[in-house]
N, C-alpha and C. Protein backbone atom coordinates (compact mmCIF):
# COMPACT_ATOMS: atom_id res chain seq x y z
N MET A 1 50.65 48.36 -54.15
CA MET A 1 50.04 48.90 -52.92
C MET A 1 48.56 48.55 -52.87
N LYS A 2 47.94 48.64 -54.07
CA LYS A 2 46.53 48.33 -54.15
C LYS A 2 46.29 46.84 -53.85
N THR A 3 47.19 45.99 -54.36
CA THR A 3 47.06 44.55 -54.17
C THR A 3 47.15 44.19 -52.70
N LYS A 4 48.12 44.80 -51.99
CA LYS A 4 48.28 44.54 -50.55
C LYS A 4 47.02 44.94 -49.79
N THR A 5 46.45 46.07 -50.16
CA THR A 5 45.24 46.54 -49.49
C THR A 5 44.08 45.58 -49.73
N ASN A 6 43.98 45.10 -51.00
CA ASN A 6 42.90 44.15 -51.33
C ASN A 6 43.05 42.84 -50.56
N ILE A 7 44.29 42.35 -50.46
CA ILE A 7 44.55 41.11 -49.72
C ILE A 7 44.18 41.29 -48.25
N LYS A 8 44.56 42.46 -47.71
CA LYS A 8 44.26 42.74 -46.30
C LYS A 8 42.76 42.78 -46.07
N ARG A 9 42.03 43.44 -47.00
CA ARG A 9 40.57 43.52 -46.85
C ARG A 9 39.93 42.14 -46.97
N THR A 10 40.44 41.36 -47.93
CA THR A 10 39.91 40.01 -48.12
C THR A 10 40.12 39.15 -46.88
N SER A 11 41.31 39.26 -46.27
CA SER A 11 41.62 38.49 -45.06
C SER A 11 40.70 38.87 -43.91
N ILE A 12 40.47 40.18 -43.76
CA ILE A 12 39.59 40.65 -42.69
C ILE A 12 38.17 40.16 -42.92
N SER A 13 37.71 40.21 -44.19
CA SER A 13 36.35 39.75 -44.52
C SER A 13 36.19 38.26 -44.22
N MET A 14 37.21 37.47 -44.59
CA MET A 14 37.15 36.03 -44.34
C MET A 14 37.13 35.73 -42.84
N LEU A 15 37.95 36.48 -42.10
CA LEU A 15 38.00 36.30 -40.64
C LEU A 15 36.65 36.61 -40.02
N LEU A 16 36.02 37.69 -40.47
CA LEU A 16 34.70 38.06 -39.94
C LEU A 16 33.65 37.00 -40.26
N MET A 17 33.73 36.44 -41.49
CA MET A 17 32.77 35.40 -41.89
C MET A 17 32.95 34.14 -41.04
N VAL A 18 34.21 33.76 -40.79
CA VAL A 18 34.48 32.59 -39.95
C VAL A 18 33.94 32.80 -38.54
N LEU A 19 34.21 33.99 -37.96
CA LEU A 19 33.70 34.30 -36.61
C LEU A 19 32.18 34.28 -36.58
N PHE A 20 31.56 34.83 -37.62
CA PHE A 20 30.09 34.83 -37.68
C PHE A 20 29.54 33.41 -37.69
N CYS A 21 30.17 32.53 -38.49
CA CYS A 21 29.72 31.13 -38.57
C CYS A 21 29.86 30.42 -37.23
N ILE A 22 30.99 30.68 -36.55
CA ILE A 22 31.21 30.05 -35.24
C ILE A 22 30.14 30.48 -34.25
N PHE A 23 29.87 31.81 -34.20
CA PHE A 23 28.85 32.31 -33.27
C PHE A 23 27.46 31.78 -33.63
N ALA A 24 27.21 31.67 -34.93
CA ALA A 24 25.90 31.15 -35.37
C ALA A 24 25.73 29.71 -34.95
N LEU A 25 26.79 28.90 -35.11
CA LEU A 25 26.72 27.50 -34.70
C LEU A 25 26.53 27.36 -33.21
N LEU A 26 27.26 28.17 -32.44
CA LEU A 26 27.11 28.13 -30.98
C LEU A 26 25.71 28.52 -30.56
N GLY A 27 25.17 29.52 -31.24
CA GLY A 27 23.82 29.97 -30.92
C GLY A 27 22.79 28.89 -31.18
N CYS A 28 22.91 28.17 -32.32
CA CYS A 28 21.99 27.09 -32.64
C CYS A 28 22.08 25.96 -31.64
N SER A 29 23.31 25.63 -31.26
CA SER A 29 23.51 24.55 -30.30
C SER A 29 22.86 24.87 -28.97
N THR A 30 23.00 26.09 -28.49
CA THR A 30 22.41 26.49 -27.21
C THR A 30 20.89 26.42 -27.25
N ASP A 31 20.30 26.90 -28.38
CA ASP A 31 18.85 26.88 -28.51
C ASP A 31 18.32 25.46 -28.48
N GLU A 32 19.00 24.54 -29.18
CA GLU A 32 18.55 23.16 -29.23
C GLU A 32 18.61 22.49 -27.87
N LEU A 33 19.67 22.76 -27.13
CA LEU A 33 19.82 22.16 -25.81
C LEU A 33 18.75 22.65 -24.85
N SER A 34 18.51 23.96 -24.85
CA SER A 34 17.53 24.50 -23.91
C SER A 34 16.12 24.01 -24.27
N GLU A 35 15.84 23.84 -25.57
CA GLU A 35 14.52 23.37 -25.97
C GLU A 35 14.32 21.92 -25.51
N THR A 36 15.36 21.11 -25.64
CA THR A 36 15.27 19.71 -25.20
C THR A 36 15.04 19.61 -23.71
N SER A 37 15.76 20.40 -22.92
CA SER A 37 15.62 20.32 -21.46
C SER A 37 14.27 20.82 -20.99
N ASP A 38 13.67 21.75 -21.77
CA ASP A 38 12.36 22.26 -21.36
C ASP A 38 11.25 21.25 -21.61
N THR A 39 11.35 20.49 -22.71
CA THR A 39 10.24 19.63 -23.09
C THR A 39 10.35 18.22 -22.50
N SER A 40 11.49 17.84 -21.97
CA SER A 40 11.63 16.47 -21.45
C SER A 40 11.02 16.38 -20.06
N SER A 41 10.21 15.33 -19.81
CA SER A 41 9.61 15.13 -18.50
C SER A 41 10.51 14.26 -17.64
N ILE A 42 10.30 14.30 -16.33
CA ILE A 42 11.15 13.55 -15.41
C ILE A 42 11.07 12.06 -15.68
N SER A 43 9.85 11.54 -15.86
CA SER A 43 9.69 10.10 -16.03
C SER A 43 10.33 9.60 -17.31
N GLN A 44 10.42 10.46 -18.36
CA GLN A 44 11.02 10.04 -19.62
C GLN A 44 12.53 9.96 -19.53
N THR A 45 13.14 10.68 -18.59
CA THR A 45 14.60 10.71 -18.50
C THR A 45 15.14 9.67 -17.53
N ILE A 46 14.28 8.99 -16.78
CA ILE A 46 14.73 7.97 -15.83
C ILE A 46 14.83 6.62 -16.53
N ALA A 47 15.99 5.99 -16.44
CA ALA A 47 16.17 4.67 -17.05
C ALA A 47 15.37 3.63 -16.26
N ILE A 48 14.62 2.81 -16.97
CA ILE A 48 13.77 1.79 -16.35
C ILE A 48 14.37 0.41 -16.60
N ASP A 49 14.54 -0.39 -15.53
CA ASP A 49 15.02 -1.76 -15.67
C ASP A 49 13.86 -2.75 -15.76
N VAL A 50 12.80 -2.50 -14.98
CA VAL A 50 11.65 -3.41 -14.93
C VAL A 50 10.36 -2.61 -15.08
N GLU A 51 9.58 -2.94 -16.08
CA GLU A 51 8.27 -2.31 -16.29
C GLU A 51 7.20 -3.31 -15.87
N ILE A 52 6.38 -2.96 -14.87
CA ILE A 52 5.31 -3.85 -14.43
C ILE A 52 4.06 -3.54 -15.26
N HIS A 53 3.66 -4.52 -16.06
CA HIS A 53 2.54 -4.33 -16.99
C HIS A 53 1.21 -4.72 -16.35
N GLU A 54 0.15 -4.13 -16.85
CA GLU A 54 -1.18 -4.36 -16.29
C GLU A 54 -1.59 -5.83 -16.39
N GLU A 55 -1.36 -6.45 -17.55
CA GLU A 55 -1.83 -7.81 -17.77
C GLU A 55 -1.02 -8.85 -16.97
N THR A 56 0.18 -8.48 -16.51
CA THR A 56 1.00 -9.42 -15.72
C THR A 56 1.32 -8.84 -14.33
N PHE A 57 0.47 -7.93 -13.87
CA PHE A 57 0.74 -7.19 -12.63
C PHE A 57 0.97 -8.13 -11.44
N ILE A 58 0.06 -9.08 -11.24
CA ILE A 58 0.17 -9.98 -10.08
C ILE A 58 1.44 -10.83 -10.16
N ASP A 59 1.67 -11.44 -11.31
CA ASP A 59 2.82 -12.34 -11.46
C ASP A 59 4.13 -11.59 -11.24
N GLN A 60 4.24 -10.38 -11.80
CA GLN A 60 5.48 -9.63 -11.68
C GLN A 60 5.74 -9.17 -10.24
N VAL A 61 4.70 -8.63 -9.59
CA VAL A 61 4.87 -8.18 -8.20
C VAL A 61 5.18 -9.36 -7.30
N GLU A 62 4.49 -10.48 -7.51
CA GLU A 62 4.74 -11.67 -6.70
C GLU A 62 6.19 -12.14 -6.86
N HIS A 63 6.68 -12.13 -8.09
CA HIS A 63 8.06 -12.57 -8.33
C HIS A 63 9.06 -11.63 -7.64
N ILE A 64 8.78 -10.33 -7.66
CA ILE A 64 9.66 -9.36 -7.00
C ILE A 64 9.69 -9.61 -5.49
N LEU A 65 8.51 -9.82 -4.89
CA LEU A 65 8.43 -9.99 -3.44
C LEU A 65 9.02 -11.33 -2.98
N LEU A 66 8.93 -12.36 -3.82
CA LEU A 66 9.47 -13.66 -3.46
C LEU A 66 10.96 -13.80 -3.79
N ASN A 67 11.45 -12.95 -4.69
CA ASN A 67 12.86 -12.99 -5.10
C ASN A 67 13.50 -11.60 -5.05
N PRO A 68 13.45 -10.95 -3.89
CA PRO A 68 13.91 -9.55 -3.81
C PRO A 68 15.38 -9.36 -4.19
N HIS A 69 16.22 -10.37 -3.91
CA HIS A 69 17.65 -10.23 -4.21
C HIS A 69 17.91 -10.02 -5.71
N GLU A 70 16.99 -10.48 -6.55
CA GLU A 70 17.17 -10.32 -7.99
C GLU A 70 16.89 -8.90 -8.46
N TYR A 71 16.23 -8.10 -7.61
CA TYR A 71 15.78 -6.78 -8.04
C TYR A 71 16.45 -5.63 -7.29
N LEU A 72 17.26 -5.93 -6.30
CA LEU A 72 17.90 -4.86 -5.52
C LEU A 72 18.73 -3.95 -6.44
N GLY A 73 18.52 -2.65 -6.30
CA GLY A 73 19.26 -1.67 -7.10
C GLY A 73 18.66 -1.41 -8.47
N LYS A 74 17.59 -2.13 -8.83
CA LYS A 74 16.98 -1.94 -10.14
C LYS A 74 15.89 -0.87 -10.09
N ARG A 75 15.73 -0.17 -11.21
CA ARG A 75 14.68 0.84 -11.34
C ARG A 75 13.40 0.17 -11.83
N ILE A 76 12.33 0.34 -11.08
CA ILE A 76 11.05 -0.32 -11.40
C ILE A 76 9.99 0.75 -11.64
N ARG A 77 9.16 0.53 -12.64
CA ARG A 77 8.03 1.43 -12.91
C ARG A 77 6.73 0.64 -12.81
N LEU A 78 5.75 1.21 -12.10
CA LEU A 78 4.42 0.61 -12.05
C LEU A 78 3.36 1.69 -11.91
N GLU A 79 2.14 1.34 -12.26
CA GLU A 79 0.98 2.22 -12.06
C GLU A 79 0.02 1.53 -11.11
N GLY A 80 -0.66 2.35 -10.31
CA GLY A 80 -1.64 1.78 -9.40
C GLY A 80 -2.26 2.84 -8.52
N ILE A 81 -2.98 2.38 -7.49
CA ILE A 81 -3.66 3.26 -6.54
C ILE A 81 -2.68 3.63 -5.44
N TYR A 82 -2.64 4.92 -5.11
CA TYR A 82 -1.77 5.39 -4.03
C TYR A 82 -2.54 5.32 -2.71
N GLY A 83 -1.95 4.67 -1.71
CA GLY A 83 -2.64 4.54 -0.43
C GLY A 83 -1.69 4.26 0.70
N SER A 84 -2.24 3.81 1.81
CA SER A 84 -1.42 3.48 2.98
C SER A 84 -1.81 2.10 3.49
N GLU A 85 -0.89 1.48 4.18
CA GLU A 85 -1.16 0.17 4.75
C GLU A 85 -0.31 0.02 6.00
N ARG A 86 -0.86 -0.69 6.99
CA ARG A 86 -0.13 -0.91 8.23
C ARG A 86 0.33 -2.36 8.29
N PHE A 87 1.55 -2.54 8.77
CA PHE A 87 2.14 -3.87 8.90
C PHE A 87 2.54 -4.09 10.36
N TYR A 88 2.50 -5.34 10.78
CA TYR A 88 2.97 -5.66 12.13
C TYR A 88 4.05 -6.73 12.03
N ILE A 89 4.93 -6.77 13.01
CA ILE A 89 6.05 -7.72 13.03
C ILE A 89 5.60 -9.03 13.65
N VAL A 90 5.84 -10.13 12.94
CA VAL A 90 5.48 -11.44 13.47
C VAL A 90 6.72 -12.35 13.47
N PRO A 91 6.85 -13.22 14.48
CA PRO A 91 7.96 -14.18 14.50
C PRO A 91 7.63 -15.40 13.65
N ILE A 92 8.60 -15.86 12.89
CA ILE A 92 8.44 -17.06 12.07
C ILE A 92 9.63 -17.97 12.32
N GLU A 93 9.33 -19.25 12.60
CA GLU A 93 10.41 -20.21 12.83
C GLU A 93 10.83 -20.81 11.50
N LEU A 94 12.14 -20.72 11.22
CA LEU A 94 12.67 -21.21 9.96
C LEU A 94 14.00 -21.91 10.24
N ASP A 95 14.06 -23.20 9.93
CA ASP A 95 15.28 -23.99 10.15
C ASP A 95 15.76 -23.93 11.60
N GLY A 96 14.81 -23.93 12.54
CA GLY A 96 15.17 -23.92 13.95
C GLY A 96 15.49 -22.56 14.52
N TYR A 97 15.42 -21.51 13.69
CA TYR A 97 15.69 -20.15 14.14
C TYR A 97 14.43 -19.31 14.05
N ILE A 98 14.32 -18.34 14.95
CA ILE A 98 13.18 -17.42 14.92
C ILE A 98 13.56 -16.20 14.07
N HIS A 99 12.81 -15.97 13.02
CA HIS A 99 13.00 -14.78 12.19
C HIS A 99 11.78 -13.90 12.36
N TYR A 100 11.96 -12.60 12.14
CA TYR A 100 10.85 -11.67 12.22
C TYR A 100 10.57 -11.10 10.83
N THR A 101 9.30 -10.99 10.52
CA THR A 101 8.91 -10.45 9.23
C THR A 101 7.70 -9.54 9.39
N LEU A 102 7.43 -8.74 8.36
CA LEU A 102 6.28 -7.83 8.39
C LEU A 102 5.11 -8.44 7.63
N MET A 103 3.95 -8.40 8.24
CA MET A 103 2.71 -8.88 7.62
C MET A 103 1.67 -7.77 7.64
N PRO A 104 0.81 -7.69 6.59
CA PRO A 104 -0.24 -6.66 6.60
C PRO A 104 -1.13 -6.78 7.83
N ALA A 105 -1.43 -5.66 8.45
CA ALA A 105 -2.27 -5.65 9.66
C ALA A 105 -3.72 -5.95 9.29
N ASP A 106 -4.44 -6.54 10.24
CA ASP A 106 -5.87 -6.78 10.06
C ASP A 106 -6.59 -6.42 11.36
N ASP A 107 -7.84 -6.80 11.50
CA ASP A 107 -8.64 -6.41 12.66
C ASP A 107 -8.09 -6.95 13.98
N ARG A 108 -7.30 -7.99 13.92
CA ARG A 108 -6.77 -8.58 15.16
C ARG A 108 -5.61 -7.77 15.75
N HIS A 109 -5.03 -6.88 14.95
CA HIS A 109 -3.86 -6.14 15.40
C HIS A 109 -4.17 -4.64 15.38
N ILE A 110 -4.09 -4.05 16.54
CA ILE A 110 -4.46 -2.64 16.66
C ILE A 110 -3.35 -1.76 16.09
N ALA A 111 -3.70 -0.53 15.77
CA ALA A 111 -2.78 0.38 15.08
C ALA A 111 -1.51 0.66 15.90
N THR A 112 -1.63 0.68 17.23
CA THR A 112 -0.45 1.01 18.04
C THR A 112 0.60 -0.09 17.99
N ASP A 113 0.21 -1.27 17.51
CA ASP A 113 1.14 -2.40 17.44
C ASP A 113 1.66 -2.60 16.02
N SER A 114 1.47 -1.61 15.16
CA SER A 114 1.85 -1.80 13.77
C SER A 114 2.62 -0.58 13.25
N THR A 115 3.19 -0.75 12.07
CA THR A 115 4.00 0.29 11.44
C THR A 115 3.35 0.67 10.11
N GLY A 116 3.25 1.98 9.84
CA GLY A 116 2.56 2.44 8.63
C GLY A 116 3.50 2.65 7.46
N PHE A 117 3.04 2.31 6.27
CA PHE A 117 3.78 2.54 5.03
C PHE A 117 2.84 3.08 3.98
N ARG A 118 3.41 3.73 2.99
CA ARG A 118 2.63 4.11 1.81
C ARG A 118 2.86 3.07 0.73
N VAL A 119 1.83 2.80 -0.05
CA VAL A 119 1.89 1.73 -1.04
C VAL A 119 1.29 2.18 -2.37
N VAL A 120 1.77 1.56 -3.46
CA VAL A 120 1.13 1.68 -4.77
C VAL A 120 0.62 0.28 -5.10
N PHE A 121 -0.69 0.13 -5.26
CA PHE A 121 -1.27 -1.20 -5.31
C PHE A 121 -2.45 -1.27 -6.27
N ARG A 122 -2.92 -2.50 -6.46
CA ARG A 122 -4.21 -2.76 -7.10
C ARG A 122 -4.95 -3.75 -6.22
N ASN A 123 -6.25 -3.67 -6.21
CA ASN A 123 -7.05 -4.60 -5.41
C ASN A 123 -6.91 -6.01 -5.99
N LEU A 124 -6.77 -6.99 -5.09
CA LEU A 124 -6.51 -8.36 -5.50
C LEU A 124 -7.71 -9.26 -5.19
N ILE A 125 -8.21 -9.92 -6.22
CA ILE A 125 -9.28 -10.92 -6.06
C ILE A 125 -8.68 -12.29 -6.35
N ILE A 126 -8.68 -13.17 -5.35
CA ILE A 126 -8.15 -14.51 -5.53
C ILE A 126 -9.32 -15.48 -5.62
N VAL A 127 -9.37 -16.25 -6.68
CA VAL A 127 -10.47 -17.20 -6.86
C VAL A 127 -10.27 -18.38 -5.91
N PRO A 128 -11.37 -19.07 -5.51
CA PRO A 128 -11.23 -20.23 -4.62
C PRO A 128 -10.22 -21.25 -5.16
N GLY A 129 -9.32 -21.67 -4.28
CA GLY A 129 -8.30 -22.63 -4.69
C GLY A 129 -7.04 -21.98 -5.21
N GLY A 130 -7.01 -20.66 -5.24
CA GLY A 130 -5.85 -19.94 -5.76
C GLY A 130 -4.74 -19.80 -4.72
N THR A 131 -3.58 -19.35 -5.17
CA THR A 131 -2.44 -19.12 -4.27
C THR A 131 -1.85 -17.74 -4.56
N TYR A 132 -1.21 -17.18 -3.54
CA TYR A 132 -0.49 -15.91 -3.72
C TYR A 132 0.60 -15.82 -2.66
N LEU A 133 1.81 -15.51 -3.09
CA LEU A 133 2.98 -15.41 -2.22
C LEU A 133 3.21 -16.69 -1.40
N GLY A 134 2.87 -17.82 -2.01
CA GLY A 134 3.10 -19.10 -1.34
C GLY A 134 1.99 -19.53 -0.41
N TYR A 135 0.93 -18.74 -0.28
CA TYR A 135 -0.19 -19.08 0.61
C TYR A 135 -1.36 -19.61 -0.21
N ASP A 136 -2.04 -20.61 0.33
CA ASP A 136 -3.23 -21.17 -0.32
C ASP A 136 -4.47 -20.41 0.13
N PHE A 137 -5.40 -20.21 -0.80
CA PHE A 137 -6.66 -19.54 -0.51
C PHE A 137 -7.80 -20.47 -0.96
N PRO A 138 -8.12 -21.51 -0.13
CA PRO A 138 -9.14 -22.50 -0.55
C PRO A 138 -10.50 -21.88 -0.79
N TYR A 139 -10.83 -20.81 -0.08
CA TYR A 139 -12.15 -20.18 -0.24
C TYR A 139 -12.07 -18.87 -1.03
N GLY A 140 -10.89 -18.58 -1.56
CA GLY A 140 -10.72 -17.34 -2.30
C GLY A 140 -10.57 -16.15 -1.37
N SER A 141 -10.42 -14.98 -1.94
CA SER A 141 -10.27 -13.76 -1.14
C SER A 141 -10.55 -12.55 -2.03
N GLU A 142 -11.27 -11.58 -1.47
CA GLU A 142 -11.57 -10.37 -2.24
C GLU A 142 -11.09 -9.10 -1.56
N GLY A 143 -10.52 -9.23 -0.36
CA GLY A 143 -10.12 -8.02 0.37
C GLY A 143 -8.63 -7.79 0.42
N ASP A 144 -7.89 -8.38 -0.51
CA ASP A 144 -6.44 -8.25 -0.48
C ASP A 144 -5.96 -7.19 -1.47
N ARG A 145 -4.66 -6.89 -1.35
CA ARG A 145 -4.02 -5.94 -2.25
C ARG A 145 -2.75 -6.57 -2.81
N VAL A 146 -2.37 -6.11 -3.98
CA VAL A 146 -1.10 -6.52 -4.56
C VAL A 146 -0.38 -5.25 -5.04
N GLY A 147 0.86 -5.08 -4.59
CA GLY A 147 1.60 -3.87 -4.95
C GLY A 147 2.90 -3.79 -4.19
N LEU A 148 3.50 -2.61 -4.20
CA LEU A 148 4.80 -2.42 -3.56
C LEU A 148 4.74 -1.26 -2.57
N VAL A 149 5.45 -1.42 -1.47
CA VAL A 149 5.63 -0.33 -0.51
C VAL A 149 6.55 0.71 -1.14
N VAL A 150 6.23 1.98 -0.96
CA VAL A 150 7.03 3.05 -1.56
C VAL A 150 7.45 4.08 -0.52
N VAL A 151 8.58 4.73 -0.79
CA VAL A 151 9.06 5.85 0.01
C VAL A 151 9.22 7.04 -0.93
N TRP A 152 8.61 8.18 -0.56
CA TRP A 152 8.62 9.35 -1.43
C TRP A 152 8.86 10.60 -0.58
N GLU A 153 9.89 11.38 -0.94
CA GLU A 153 10.23 12.58 -0.17
C GLU A 153 9.48 13.83 -0.64
N GLY A 154 8.80 13.73 -1.77
CA GLY A 154 8.11 14.90 -2.31
C GLY A 154 6.71 15.07 -1.75
N GLU A 155 5.92 15.91 -2.41
CA GLU A 155 4.54 16.15 -1.99
C GLU A 155 3.70 14.91 -2.27
N HIS A 156 2.90 14.50 -1.28
CA HIS A 156 2.13 13.26 -1.42
C HIS A 156 0.77 13.53 -2.05
N PRO A 157 0.38 12.73 -3.04
CA PRO A 157 -0.96 12.87 -3.62
C PRO A 157 -2.02 12.35 -2.66
N ASP A 158 -3.27 12.63 -2.95
CA ASP A 158 -4.37 12.12 -2.12
C ASP A 158 -4.43 10.60 -2.22
N TYR A 159 -4.83 9.98 -1.12
CA TYR A 159 -5.04 8.54 -1.14
C TYR A 159 -6.16 8.23 -2.12
N GLY A 160 -5.97 7.18 -2.88
CA GLY A 160 -6.94 6.82 -3.91
C GLY A 160 -6.58 7.34 -5.28
N SER A 161 -5.57 8.24 -5.37
CA SER A 161 -5.13 8.75 -6.67
C SER A 161 -4.49 7.63 -7.48
N TRP A 162 -4.68 7.71 -8.79
CA TRP A 162 -4.01 6.76 -9.69
C TRP A 162 -2.67 7.37 -10.08
N VAL A 163 -1.58 6.65 -9.82
CA VAL A 163 -0.25 7.23 -9.98
C VAL A 163 0.66 6.36 -10.83
N GLU A 164 1.65 7.01 -11.40
CA GLU A 164 2.80 6.33 -11.99
C GLU A 164 3.95 6.49 -11.00
N ALA A 165 4.54 5.38 -10.58
CA ALA A 165 5.64 5.41 -9.61
C ALA A 165 6.89 4.79 -10.23
N ILE A 166 8.01 5.50 -10.13
CA ILE A 166 9.29 4.99 -10.62
C ILE A 166 10.31 5.13 -9.51
N GLY A 167 10.99 4.04 -9.19
CA GLY A 167 11.97 4.12 -8.11
C GLY A 167 12.93 2.95 -8.10
N THR A 168 13.87 3.02 -7.18
CA THR A 168 14.90 1.98 -7.03
C THR A 168 14.48 1.01 -5.93
N PHE A 169 14.56 -0.27 -6.22
CA PHE A 169 14.18 -1.30 -5.26
C PHE A 169 15.29 -1.46 -4.22
N GLU A 170 14.92 -1.29 -2.93
CA GLU A 170 15.91 -1.28 -1.86
C GLU A 170 15.44 -2.11 -0.67
N ARG A 171 16.37 -2.37 0.23
CA ARG A 171 16.07 -3.07 1.48
C ARG A 171 16.17 -2.07 2.63
N ALA A 172 15.12 -1.98 3.45
CA ALA A 172 15.12 -1.08 4.61
C ALA A 172 15.03 -1.91 5.89
N VAL A 173 15.74 -1.49 6.92
CA VAL A 173 15.69 -2.16 8.22
C VAL A 173 14.64 -1.47 9.08
N ILE A 174 13.70 -2.24 9.61
CA ILE A 174 12.62 -1.72 10.46
C ILE A 174 12.88 -2.17 11.89
N THR A 175 12.83 -1.22 12.83
CA THR A 175 13.09 -1.53 14.24
C THR A 175 11.88 -1.17 15.09
N ARG A 176 11.44 -2.13 15.90
CA ARG A 176 10.40 -1.87 16.89
C ARG A 176 10.90 -2.40 18.22
N GLY A 177 11.26 -1.48 19.13
CA GLY A 177 11.87 -1.90 20.39
C GLY A 177 13.22 -2.55 20.13
N GLU A 178 13.38 -3.79 20.60
CA GLU A 178 14.62 -4.51 20.36
C GLU A 178 14.55 -5.44 19.16
N ILE A 179 13.39 -5.47 18.52
CA ILE A 179 13.19 -6.37 17.39
C ILE A 179 13.50 -5.63 16.08
N GLN A 180 14.30 -6.29 15.24
CA GLN A 180 14.63 -5.73 13.93
C GLN A 180 14.17 -6.68 12.83
N THR A 181 13.65 -6.12 11.77
CA THR A 181 13.32 -6.91 10.59
C THR A 181 13.60 -6.03 9.38
N GLU A 182 13.36 -6.56 8.21
CA GLU A 182 13.63 -5.78 7.01
C GLU A 182 12.40 -5.75 6.12
N LYS A 183 12.35 -4.72 5.30
CA LYS A 183 11.25 -4.56 4.35
C LYS A 183 11.83 -4.13 3.02
N HIS A 184 11.44 -4.79 1.95
CA HIS A 184 11.88 -4.38 0.62
C HIS A 184 10.87 -3.39 0.06
N LEU A 185 11.36 -2.30 -0.47
CA LEU A 185 10.48 -1.23 -0.91
C LEU A 185 11.07 -0.50 -2.10
N LEU A 186 10.24 0.36 -2.67
CA LEU A 186 10.63 1.16 -3.83
C LEU A 186 10.89 2.59 -3.37
N HIS A 187 12.18 3.00 -3.46
CA HIS A 187 12.55 4.37 -3.11
C HIS A 187 12.33 5.22 -4.36
N LEU A 188 11.28 6.03 -4.34
CA LEU A 188 10.82 6.69 -5.56
C LEU A 188 11.70 7.84 -6.01
N LYS A 189 11.89 7.91 -7.34
CA LYS A 189 12.54 9.04 -8.00
C LYS A 189 11.51 9.93 -8.66
N SER A 190 10.33 9.34 -8.94
CA SER A 190 9.27 10.08 -9.61
C SER A 190 7.92 9.52 -9.17
N LEU A 191 6.98 10.42 -8.87
CA LEU A 191 5.61 10.02 -8.51
C LEU A 191 4.66 11.00 -9.19
N THR A 192 3.88 10.50 -10.15
CA THR A 192 3.04 11.36 -10.98
C THR A 192 1.59 10.90 -10.91
N VAL A 193 0.69 11.82 -10.63
CA VAL A 193 -0.75 11.51 -10.65
C VAL A 193 -1.22 11.53 -12.10
N LEU A 194 -1.91 10.45 -12.51
CA LEU A 194 -2.40 10.32 -13.89
C LEU A 194 -3.91 10.51 -13.93
N ASP A 195 -4.38 11.11 -15.00
CA ASP A 195 -5.82 11.32 -15.17
C ASP A 195 -6.54 10.04 -15.55
N GLU A 196 -5.91 9.24 -16.41
CA GLU A 196 -6.53 8.01 -16.89
C GLU A 196 -6.18 6.86 -15.95
N ARG A 197 -7.20 6.22 -15.40
CA ARG A 197 -6.99 5.12 -14.45
C ARG A 197 -6.95 3.79 -15.19
N GLY A 198 -6.14 2.88 -14.67
CA GLY A 198 -6.04 1.55 -15.25
C GLY A 198 -6.96 0.58 -14.55
N LEU A 199 -6.64 -0.72 -14.66
CA LEU A 199 -7.44 -1.77 -14.04
C LEU A 199 -7.20 -1.77 -12.54
N GLU A 200 -8.22 -1.42 -11.75
CA GLU A 200 -8.03 -1.27 -10.31
C GLU A 200 -8.10 -2.59 -9.56
N ALA A 201 -8.81 -3.57 -10.09
CA ALA A 201 -8.91 -4.89 -9.45
C ALA A 201 -8.38 -5.95 -10.40
N VAL A 202 -7.42 -6.74 -9.92
CA VAL A 202 -6.84 -7.81 -10.73
C VAL A 202 -7.19 -9.16 -10.11
N VAL A 203 -7.35 -10.18 -10.96
CA VAL A 203 -7.83 -11.48 -10.50
C VAL A 203 -6.73 -12.52 -10.66
N ARG A 204 -6.54 -13.32 -9.60
CA ARG A 204 -5.60 -14.45 -9.65
C ARG A 204 -6.40 -15.75 -9.59
């Protein structure tokens, strides 16, 4: 009788120890998961396909803009100045057909004839005899920009802020009246204002 009682007590003790271990393991697992989710930032959890580096900023952006089909659907990260820019639609004859494209607005084109976008850019200085996006600059240029048009649904930082932008490269259709054209842009998943500013003017 005593032996049966001892076996019963031993079984109950073992069962309680097993249950305690299971609950302890579950508790540790929950704590670790919640700690990880609290400390991870948005930009660290987004997979990046293309990182635009400071020392190759012009070359990389130029390659993206000249070969957009290679980057569609890819996640791109870049740092630069947050601002706005206006573009106007211009007709271009190509292979006997008239195509419409967007060009940065200048003093010759008034605001009512242009479309506004937000951009992440760096100031571009082109030395005399240089080229950019297939255009020759025999006398150089100091008033240009190099960067990407961005779309962001969140709260917008002040113009001039230095930001980290991460987004998916997409094609958007732009319509003005009966004229349609397209613009390749970065649909942002993350936009972060950074305290430390990088190189604001790049030279080609």
